[in-house]
Amino acid sequence: MSSRTVITQPTLVRRGRSGVIALWVAQTALAGMFLLAGGSKLVGAPAMVTLFNAIGVGQWFRYVTGLIEVVLQLRCWSPPSPCSVRWYSSRR
């Protein structure tokens, strides 16, 4: 018995103008939140320094999480890569 894997192209979803605007607003808000949260960690806001001291993981972890959040903010604005589209479509 053999199994055959079929890779299909992702289907395009047609959205109306209001749907596109809503997605852009949500994307902008999410990117702004990631930038503010990550930026405050990277510049060393006193609240973030105190928080990471209280957690006890060290300041290196503050820099790592700040960098991850800033990178995710940039990712909010980039289009999906062909690899991620292929991976997502194979999971459905």
Foldseek 3Di string as FASTA:
>chain_A
DDDDDDQDADDDDDDDPVVVVVLVVVLVVLLVVLLVQLVCLQVPPVVNVVVCVVVPPDSVVSNVSSVVSNVVSVVSPDDDDPVVSSVVRSVD
